Structures are given as C-alpha cells and as structure tokens.
Amino acid sequence: GLTALGLFASVAQAHGPTRQKIVV
C-alpha cells in the first residue's frame, strides 16, 4: 500500500500543463 501510494503521488506531481485563465 505504501509503495502504491508513493507511486501515485509521484505520478500526480508529474502532470502536464493545465489551462490557465486571466482576466484584467
């Protein structure tokens, strides 16, 4: 379980870009 959790955490941190939105 700990190993799986560690793998999941590393995959969750290594994500691609997310769409950003700005309003000025």
mmCIF file of all heavy atoms, coordinates in Angstrom:
data_MODEL
# 
_entry.id   MODEL 
# 
loop_
_atom_site.group_PDB 
_atom_site.id 
_atom_site.type_symbol 
_atom_site.label_atom_id 
_atom_site.label_alt_id 
_atom_site.label_comp_id 
_atom_site.label_asym_id 
_atom_site.label_entity_id 
_atom_site.label_seq_id 
_atom_site.pdbx_PDB_ins_code 
_atom_site.Cartn_x 
_atom_site.Cartn_y 
_atom_site.Cartn_z 
_atom_site.occupancy 
_atom_site.B_iso_or_equiv 
_atom_site.pdbx_formal_charge 
_atom_site.auth_seq_id 
_atom_site.auth_comp_id 
_atom_site.auth_asym_id 
_atom_site.auth_atom_id 
_atom_site.pdbx_PDB_model_num 
ATOM 1   N N   . GLY A 1 1  ? 0.816   -1.215 0.000   1.00 0.00 ? 1  GLY A N   1 
ATOM 2   C CA  . GLY A 1 1  ? 0.000   0.000  0.000   1.00 0.00 ? 1  GLY A CA  1 
ATOM 3   C C   . GLY A 1 1  ? 0.847   1.261  0.000   1.00 0.00 ? 1  GLY A C   1 
ATOM 4   O O   . GLY A 1 1  ? 0.582   2.212  -0.727  1.00 0.00 ? 1  GLY A O   1 
ATOM 5   N N   . LEU A 1 2  ? 1.880   1.287  0.829   1.00 0.00 ? 2  LEU A N   1 
ATOM 6   C CA  . LEU A 1 2  ? 2.772   2.444  0.876   1.00 0.00 ? 2  LEU A CA  1 
ATOM 7   C C   . LEU A 1 2  ? 3.475   2.650  -0.465  1.00 0.00 ? 2  LEU A C   1 
ATOM 8   O O   . LEU A 1 2  ? 3.610   3.777  -0.944  1.00 0.00 ? 2  LEU A O   1 
ATOM 9   C CB  . LEU A 1 2  ? 3.815   2.291  1.983   1.00 0.00 ? 2  LEU A CB  1 
ATOM 10  C CG  . LEU A 1 2  ? 3.376   2.625  3.391   1.00 0.00 ? 2  LEU A CG  1 
ATOM 11  C CD1 . LEU A 1 2  ? 4.525   2.376  4.375   1.00 0.00 ? 2  LEU A CD1 1 
ATOM 12  C CD2 . LEU A 1 2  ? 2.920   4.066  3.487   1.00 0.00 ? 2  LEU A CD2 1 
ATOM 13  N N   . THR A 1 3  ? 3.934   1.569  -1.061  1.00 0.00 ? 3  THR A N   1 
ATOM 14  C CA  . THR A 1 3  ? 4.602   1.660  -2.357  1.00 0.00 ? 3  THR A CA  1 
ATOM 15  C C   . THR A 1 3  ? 3.652   2.211  -3.407  1.00 0.00 ? 3  THR A C   1 
ATOM 16  O O   . THR A 1 3  ? 4.009   3.101  -4.183  1.00 0.00 ? 3  THR A O   1 
ATOM 17  C CB  . THR A 1 3  ? 5.136   0.271  -2.786  1.00 0.00 ? 3  THR A CB  1 
ATOM 18  O OG1 . THR A 1 3  ? 6.014   -0.204 -1.770  1.00 0.00 ? 3  THR A OG1 1 
ATOM 19  C CG2 . THR A 1 3  ? 5.859   0.336  -4.110  1.00 0.00 ? 3  THR A CG2 1 
ATOM 20  N N   . ALA A 1 4  ? 2.429   1.699  -3.442  1.00 0.00 ? 4  ALA A N   1 
ATOM 21  C CA  . ALA A 1 4  ? 1.428   2.169  -4.407  1.00 0.00 ? 4  ALA A CA  1 
ATOM 22  C C   . ALA A 1 4  ? 1.120   3.649  -4.170  1.00 0.00 ? 4  ALA A C   1 
ATOM 23  O O   . ALA A 1 4  ? 1.013   4.433  -5.122  1.00 0.00 ? 4  ALA A O   1 
ATOM 24  C CB  . ALA A 1 4  ? 0.158   1.337  -4.309  1.00 0.00 ? 4  ALA A CB  1 
ATOM 25  N N   . LEU A 1 5  ? 0.999   4.051  -2.911  1.00 0.00 ? 5  LEU A N   1 
ATOM 26  C CA  . LEU A 1 5  ? 0.736   5.439  -2.579  1.00 0.00 ? 5  LEU A CA  1 
ATOM 27  C C   . LEU A 1 5  ? 1.880   6.328  -3.051  1.00 0.00 ? 5  LEU A C   1 
ATOM 28  O O   . LEU A 1 5  ? 1.665   7.404  -3.620  1.00 0.00 ? 5  LEU A O   1 
ATOM 29  C CB  . LEU A 1 5  ? 0.515   5.599  -1.072  1.00 0.00 ? 5  LEU A CB  1 
ATOM 30  C CG  . LEU A 1 5  ? 0.101   6.982  -0.585  1.00 0.00 ? 5  LEU A CG  1 
ATOM 31  C CD1 . LEU A 1 5  ? -1.218  7.385  -1.222  1.00 0.00 ? 5  LEU A CD1 1 
ATOM 32  C CD2 . LEU A 1 5  ? -0.013  6.982  0.920   1.00 0.00 ? 5  LEU A CD2 1 
ATOM 33  N N   . GLY A 1 6  ? 3.108   5.872  -2.863  1.00 0.00 ? 6  GLY A N   1 
ATOM 34  C CA  . GLY A 1 6  ? 4.275   6.630  -3.319  1.00 0.00 ? 6  GLY A CA  1 
ATOM 35  C C   . GLY A 1 6  ? 4.296   6.772  -4.830  1.00 0.00 ? 6  GLY A C   1 
ATOM 36  O O   . GLY A 1 6  ? 4.588   7.844  -5.363  1.00 0.00 ? 6  GLY A O   1 
ATOM 37  N N   . LEU A 1 7  ? 3.964   5.698  -5.541  1.00 0.00 ? 7  LEU A N   1 
ATOM 38  C CA  . LEU A 1 7  ? 3.906   5.775  -6.996  1.00 0.00 ? 7  LEU A CA  1 
ATOM 39  C C   . LEU A 1 7  ? 2.813   6.719  -7.448  1.00 0.00 ? 7  LEU A C   1 
ATOM 40  O O   . LEU A 1 7  ? 2.999   7.519  -8.356  1.00 0.00 ? 7  LEU A O   1 
ATOM 41  C CB  . LEU A 1 7  ? 3.684   4.383  -7.602  1.00 0.00 ? 7  LEU A CB  1 
ATOM 42  C CG  . LEU A 1 7  ? 4.867   3.441  -7.574  1.00 0.00 ? 7  LEU A CG  1 
ATOM 43  C CD1 . LEU A 1 7  ? 4.443   2.047  -8.032  1.00 0.00 ? 7  LEU A CD1 1 
ATOM 44  C CD2 . LEU A 1 7  ? 5.988   3.973  -8.442  1.00 0.00 ? 7  LEU A CD2 1 
ATOM 45  N N   . PHE A 1 8  ? 1.647   6.648  -6.810  1.00 0.00 ? 8  PHE A N   1 
ATOM 46  C CA  . PHE A 1 8  ? 0.542   7.524  -7.161  1.00 0.00 ? 8  PHE A CA  1 
ATOM 47  C C   . PHE A 1 8  ? 0.916   8.990  -6.932  1.00 0.00 ? 8  PHE A C   1 
ATOM 48  O O   . PHE A 1 8  ? 0.654   9.851  -7.753  1.00 0.00 ? 8  PHE A O   1 
ATOM 49  C CB  . PHE A 1 8  ? -0.710  7.171  -6.363  1.00 0.00 ? 8  PHE A CB  1 
ATOM 50  C CG  . PHE A 1 8  ? -1.854  8.110  -6.619  1.00 0.00 ? 8  PHE A CG  1 
ATOM 51  C CD1 . PHE A 1 8  ? -2.567  8.034  -7.805  1.00 0.00 ? 8  PHE A CD1 1 
ATOM 52  C CD2 . PHE A 1 8  ? -2.199  9.086  -5.698  1.00 0.00 ? 8  PHE A CD2 1 
ATOM 53  C CE1 . PHE A 1 8  ? -3.614  8.905  -8.058  1.00 0.00 ? 8  PHE A CE1 1 
ATOM 54  C CE2 . PHE A 1 8  ? -3.237  9.957  -5.940  1.00 0.00 ? 8  PHE A CE2 1 
ATOM 55  C CZ  . PHE A 1 8  ? -3.953  9.864  -7.134  1.00 0.00 ? 8  PHE A CZ  1 
ATOM 56  N N   . ALA A 1 9  ? 1.566   9.267  -5.817  1.00 0.00 ? 9  ALA A N   1 
ATOM 57  C CA  . ALA A 1 9  ? 1.963   10.642 -5.501  1.00 0.00 ? 9  ALA A CA  1 
ATOM 58  C C   . ALA A 1 9  ? 2.947   11.174 -6.524  1.00 0.00 ? 9  ALA A C   1 
ATOM 59  O O   . ALA A 1 9  ? 2.848   12.317 -6.965  1.00 0.00 ? 9  ALA A O   1 
ATOM 60  C CB  . ALA A 1 9  ? 2.556   10.715 -4.096  1.00 0.00 ? 9  ALA A CB  1 
ATOM 61  N N   . SER A 1 10 ? 3.897   10.350 -6.957  1.00 0.00 ? 10 SER A N   1 
ATOM 62  C CA  . SER A 1 10 ? 4.865   10.833 -7.939  1.00 0.00 ? 10 SER A CA  1 
ATOM 63  C C   . SER A 1 10 ? 4.209   11.049 -9.289  1.00 0.00 ? 10 SER A C   1 
ATOM 64  O O   . SER A 1 10 ? 4.530   11.994 -10.005 1.00 0.00 ? 10 SER A O   1 
ATOM 65  C CB  . SER A 1 10 ? 6.061   9.875  -8.061  1.00 0.00 ? 10 SER A CB  1 
ATOM 66  O OG  . SER A 1 10 ? 5.656   8.651  -8.629  1.00 0.00 ? 10 SER A OG  1 
ATOM 67  N N   . VAL A 1 11 ? 3.246   10.200 -9.668  1.00 0.00 ? 11 VAL A N   1 
ATOM 68  C CA  . VAL A 1 11 ? 2.522   10.389 -10.922 1.00 0.00 ? 11 VAL A CA  1 
ATOM 69  C C   . VAL A 1 11 ? 1.647   11.634 -10.830 1.00 0.00 ? 11 VAL A C   1 
ATOM 70  O O   . VAL A 1 11 ? 1.549   12.408 -11.772 1.00 0.00 ? 11 VAL A O   1 
ATOM 71  C CB  . VAL A 1 11 ? 1.681   9.134  -11.255 1.00 0.00 ? 11 VAL A CB  1 
ATOM 72  C CG1 . VAL A 1 11 ? 0.714   9.417  -12.390 1.00 0.00 ? 11 VAL A CG1 1 
ATOM 73  C CG2 . VAL A 1 11 ? 2.585   7.964  -11.608 1.00 0.00 ? 11 VAL A CG2 1 
ATOM 74  N N   . ALA A 1 12 ? 1.027   11.870 -9.693  1.00 0.00 ? 12 ALA A N   1 
ATOM 75  C CA  . ALA A 1 12 ? 0.157   13.030 -9.532  1.00 0.00 ? 12 ALA A CA  1 
ATOM 76  C C   . ALA A 1 12 ? 0.951   14.328 -9.638  1.00 0.00 ? 12 ALA A C   1 
ATOM 77  O O   . ALA A 1 12 ? 0.465   15.316 -10.160 1.00 0.00 ? 12 ALA A O   1 
ATOM 78  C CB  . ALA A 1 12 ? -0.564  12.965 -8.187  1.00 0.00 ? 12 ALA A CB  1 
ATOM 79  N N   . GLN A 1 13 ? 2.198   14.334 -9.159  1.00 0.00 ? 13 GLN A N   1 
ATOM 80  C CA  . GLN A 1 13 ? 3.015   15.544 -9.238  1.00 0.00 ? 13 GLN A CA  1 
ATOM 81  C C   . GLN A 1 13 ? 3.554   15.764 -10.644 1.00 0.00 ? 13 GLN A C   1 
ATOM 82  O O   . GLN A 1 13 ? 3.810   16.876 -11.042 1.00 0.00 ? 13 GLN A O   1 
ATOM 83  C CB  . GLN A 1 13 ? 4.172   15.464 -8.251  1.00 0.00 ? 13 GLN A CB  1 
ATOM 84  C CG  . GLN A 1 13 ? 3.733   15.633 -6.829  1.00 0.00 ? 13 GLN A CG  1 
ATOM 85  C CD  . GLN A 1 13 ? 4.904   15.543 -5.872  1.00 0.00 ? 13 GLN A CD  1 
ATOM 86  O OE1 . GLN A 1 13 ? 5.971   15.070 -6.209  1.00 0.00 ? 13 GLN A OE1 1 
ATOM 87  N NE2 . GLN A 1 13 ? 4.680   16.005 -4.661  1.00 0.00 ? 13 GLN A NE2 1 
ATOM 88  N N   . ALA A 1 14 ? 3.755   14.718 -11.398 1.00 0.00 ? 14 ALA A N   1 
ATOM 89  C CA  . ALA A 1 14 ? 4.323   14.819 -12.734 1.00 0.00 ? 14 ALA A CA  1 
ATOM 90  C C   . ALA A 1 14 ? 3.200   14.922 -13.759 1.00 0.00 ? 14 ALA A C   1 
ATOM 91  O O   . ALA A 1 14 ? 2.984   14.037 -14.557 1.00 0.00 ? 14 ALA A O   1 
ATOM 92  C CB  . ALA A 1 14 ? 5.207   13.602 -13.013 1.00 0.00 ? 14 ALA A CB  1 
ATOM 93  N N   . HIS A 1 15 ? 2.455   15.994 -13.704 1.00 0.00 ? 15 HIS A N   1 
ATOM 94  C CA  . HIS A 1 15 ? 1.349   16.185 -14.639 1.00 0.00 ? 15 HIS A CA  1 
ATOM 95  C C   . HIS A 1 15 ? 1.745   17.177 -15.709 1.00 0.00 ? 15 HIS A C   1 
ATOM 96  O O   . HIS A 1 15 ? 2.668   17.955 -15.557 1.00 0.00 ? 15 HIS A O   1 
ATOM 97  C CB  . HIS A 1 15 ? 0.091   16.658 -13.904 1.00 0.00 ? 15 HIS A CB  1 
ATOM 98  C CG  . HIS A 1 15 ? 0.262   18.023 -13.304 1.00 0.00 ? 15 HIS A CG  1 
ATOM 99  N ND1 . HIS A 1 15 ? 0.076   19.160 -14.038 1.00 0.00 ? 15 HIS A ND1 1 
ATOM 100 C CD2 . HIS A 1 15 ? 0.614   18.425 -12.064 1.00 0.00 ? 15 HIS A CD2 1 
ATOM 101 C CE1 . HIS A 1 15 ? 0.310   20.219 -13.265 1.00 0.00 ? 15 HIS A CE1 1 
ATOM 102 N NE2 . HIS A 1 15 ? 0.634   19.792 -12.064 1.00 0.00 ? 15 HIS A NE2 1 
ATOM 103 N N   . GLY A 1 16 ? 1.026   17.126 -16.802 1.00 0.00 ? 16 GLY A N   1 
ATOM 104 C CA  . GLY A 1 16 ? 1.256   18.082 -17.878 1.00 0.00 ? 16 GLY A CA  1 
ATOM 105 C C   . GLY A 1 16 ? 0.645   19.423 -17.524 1.00 0.00 ? 16 GLY A C   1 
ATOM 106 O O   . GLY A 1 16 ? 0.153   19.630 -16.418 1.00 0.00 ? 16 GLY A O   1 
ATOM 107 N N   . PRO A 1 17 ? 0.648   20.329 -18.470 1.00 0.00 ? 17 PRO A N   1 
ATOM 108 C CA  . PRO A 1 17 ? 0.129   21.670 -18.218 1.00 0.00 ? 17 PRO A CA  1 
ATOM 109 C C   . PRO A 1 17 ? -1.385  21.688 -18.032 1.00 0.00 ? 17 PRO A C   1 
ATOM 110 O O   . PRO A 1 17 ? -2.095  20.816 -18.532 1.00 0.00 ? 17 PRO A O   1 
ATOM 111 C CB  . PRO A 1 17 ? 0.522   22.432 -19.480 1.00 0.00 ? 17 PRO A CB  1 
ATOM 112 C CG  . PRO A 1 17 ? 0.685   21.401 -20.530 1.00 0.00 ? 17 PRO A CG  1 
ATOM 113 C CD  . PRO A 1 17 ? 1.147   20.166 -19.830 1.00 0.00 ? 17 PRO A CD  1 
ATOM 114 N N   . THR A 1 18 ? -1.859  22.682 -17.298 1.00 0.00 ? 18 THR A N   1 
ATOM 115 C CA  . THR A 1 18 ? -3.296  22.896 -17.136 1.00 0.00 ? 18 THR A CA  1 
ATOM 116 C C   . THR A 1 18 ? -3.644  24.252 -17.743 1.00 0.00 ? 18 THR A C   1 
ATOM 117 O O   . THR A 1 18 ? -2.821  25.177 -17.736 1.00 0.00 ? 18 THR A O   1 
ATOM 118 C CB  . THR A 1 18 ? -3.713  22.866 -15.654 1.00 0.00 ? 18 THR A CB  1 
ATOM 119 O OG1 . THR A 1 18 ? -2.940  23.825 -14.936 1.00 0.00 ? 18 THR A OG1 1 
ATOM 120 C CG2 . THR A 1 18 ? -3.508  21.499 -15.045 1.00 0.00 ? 18 THR A CG2 1 
ATOM 121 N N   . ARG A 1 19 ? -4.839  24.359 -18.277 1.00 0.00 ? 19 ARG A N   1 
ATOM 122 C CA  . ARG A 1 19 ? -5.277  25.598 -18.919 1.00 0.00 ? 19 ARG A CA  1 
ATOM 123 C C   . ARG A 1 19 ? -5.386  26.700 -17.865 1.00 0.00 ? 19 ARG A C   1 
ATOM 124 O O   . ARG A 1 19 ? -6.007  26.518 -16.816 1.00 0.00 ? 19 ARG A O   1 
ATOM 125 C CB  . ARG A 1 19 ? -6.617  25.384 -19.602 1.00 0.00 ? 19 ARG A CB  1 
ATOM 126 C CG  . ARG A 1 19 ? -7.016  26.531 -20.503 1.00 0.00 ? 19 ARG A CG  1 
ATOM 127 C CD  . ARG A 1 19 ? -7.447  25.978 -21.848 1.00 0.00 ? 19 ARG A CD  1 
ATOM 128 N NE  . ARG A 1 19 ? -7.984  26.960 -22.752 1.00 0.00 ? 19 ARG A NE  1 
ATOM 129 C CZ  . ARG A 1 19 ? -7.269  27.532 -23.706 1.00 0.00 ? 19 ARG A CZ  1 
ATOM 130 N NH1 . ARG A 1 19 ? -6.002  27.219 -23.869 1.00 0.00 ? 19 ARG A NH1 1 
ATOM 131 N NH2 . ARG A 1 19 ? -7.810  28.403 -24.518 1.00 0.00 ? 19 ARG A NH2 1 
ATOM 132 N N   . GLN A 1 20 ? -4.775  27.826 -18.155 1.00 0.00 ? 20 GLN A N   1 
ATOM 133 C CA  . GLN A 1 20 ? -4.809  28.979 -17.261 1.00 0.00 ? 20 GLN A CA  1 
ATOM 134 C C   . GLN A 1 20 ? -5.768  30.018 -17.837 1.00 0.00 ? 20 GLN A C   1 
ATOM 135 O O   . GLN A 1 20 ? -5.905  30.132 -19.060 1.00 0.00 ? 20 GLN A O   1 
ATOM 136 C CB  . GLN A 1 20 ? -3.411  29.594 -17.134 1.00 0.00 ? 20 GLN A CB  1 
ATOM 137 C CG  . GLN A 1 20 ? -2.352  28.632 -16.649 1.00 0.00 ? 20 GLN A CG  1 
ATOM 138 C CD  . GLN A 1 20 ? -2.636  28.096 -15.272 1.00 0.00 ? 20 GLN A CD  1 
ATOM 139 O OE1 . GLN A 1 20 ? -2.956  28.837 -14.353 1.00 0.00 ? 20 GLN A OE1 1 
ATOM 140 N NE2 . GLN A 1 20 ? -2.528  26.787 -15.124 1.00 0.00 ? 20 GLN A NE2 1 
ATOM 141 N N   . LYS A 1 21 ? -6.390  30.789 -16.960 1.00 0.00 ? 21 LYS A N   1 
ATOM 142 C CA  . LYS A 1 21 ? -7.293  31.854 -17.396 1.00 0.00 ? 21 LYS A CA  1 
ATOM 143 C C   . LYS A 1 21 ? -6.967  33.121 -16.632 1.00 0.00 ? 21 LYS A C   1 
ATOM 144 O O   . LYS A 1 21 ? -6.755  33.089 -15.427 1.00 0.00 ? 21 LYS A O   1 
ATOM 145 C CB  . LYS A 1 21 ? -8.744  31.456 -17.171 1.00 0.00 ? 21 LYS A CB  1 
ATOM 146 C CG  . LYS A 1 21 ? -9.157  30.274 -18.029 1.00 0.00 ? 21 LYS A CG  1 
ATOM 147 C CD  . LYS A 1 21 ? -10.580 29.877 -17.790 1.00 0.00 ? 21 LYS A CD  1 
ATOM 148 C CE  . LYS A 1 21 ? -10.909 28.672 -18.674 1.00 0.00 ? 21 LYS A CE  1 
ATOM 149 N NZ  . LYS A 1 21 ? -12.229 28.162 -18.418 1.00 0.00 ? 21 LYS A NZ  1 
ATOM 150 N N   . ILE A 1 22 ? -6.933  34.208 -17.354 1.00 0.00 ? 22 ILE A N   1 
ATOM 151 C CA  . ILE A 1 22 ? -6.604  35.522 -16.781 1.00 0.00 ? 22 ILE A CA  1 
ATOM 152 C C   . ILE A 1 22 ? -7.687  36.511 -17.201 1.00 0.00 ? 22 ILE A C   1 
ATOM 153 O O   . ILE A 1 22 ? -8.133  36.493 -18.348 1.00 0.00 ? 22 ILE A O   1 
ATOM 154 C CB  . ILE A 1 22 ? -5.250  36.031 -17.332 1.00 0.00 ? 22 ILE A CB  1 
ATOM 155 C CG1 . ILE A 1 22 ? -4.116  35.089 -16.991 1.00 0.00 ? 22 ILE A CG1 1 
ATOM 156 C CG2 . ILE A 1 22 ? -4.944  37.440 -16.862 1.00 0.00 ? 22 ILE A CG2 1 
ATOM 157 C CD1 . ILE A 1 22 ? -3.817  34.971 -15.528 1.00 0.00 ? 22 ILE A CD1 1 
ATOM 158 N N   . VAL A 1 23 ? -8.081  37.385 -16.286 1.00 0.00 ? 23 VAL A N   1 
ATOM 159 C CA  . VAL A 1 23 ? -8.984  38.481 -16.617 1.00 0.00 ? 23 VAL A CA  1 
ATOM 160 C C   . VAL A 1 23 ? -8.382  39.754 -16.026 1.00 0.00 ? 23 VAL A C   1 
ATOM 161 O O   . VAL A 1 23 ? -8.087  39.812 -14.836 1.00 0.00 ? 23 VAL A O   1 
ATOM 162 C CB  . VAL A 1 23 ? -10.401 38.276 -16.031 1.00 0.00 ? 23 VAL A CB  1 
ATOM 163 C CG1 . VAL A 1 23 ? -11.290 39.477 -16.345 1.00 0.00 ? 23 VAL A CG1 1 
ATOM 164 C CG2 . VAL A 1 23 ? -11.018 36.990 -16.535 1.00 0.00 ? 23 VAL A CG2 1 
ATOM 165 N N   . VAL A 1 24 ? -8.181  40.751 -16.891 1.00 0.00 ? 24 VAL A N   1 
ATOM 166 C CA  . VAL A 1 24 ? -7.706  42.059 -16.439 1.00 0.00 ? 24 VAL A CA  1 
ATOM 167 C C   . VAL A 1 24 ? -8.659  43.088 -17.029 1.00 0.00 ? 24 VAL A C   1 
ATOM 168 O O   . VAL A 1 24 ? -9.056  42.988 -18.192 1.00 0.00 ? 24 VAL A O   1 
ATOM 169 C CB  . VAL A 1 24 ? -6.252  42.330 -16.910 1.00 0.00 ? 24 VAL A CB  1 
ATOM 170 C CG1 . VAL A 1 24 ? -5.807  43.732 -16.516 1.00 0.00 ? 24 VAL A CG1 1 
ATOM 171 C CG2 . VAL A 1 24 ? -5.299  41.285 -16.336 1.00 0.00 ? 24 VAL A CG2 1 
# 
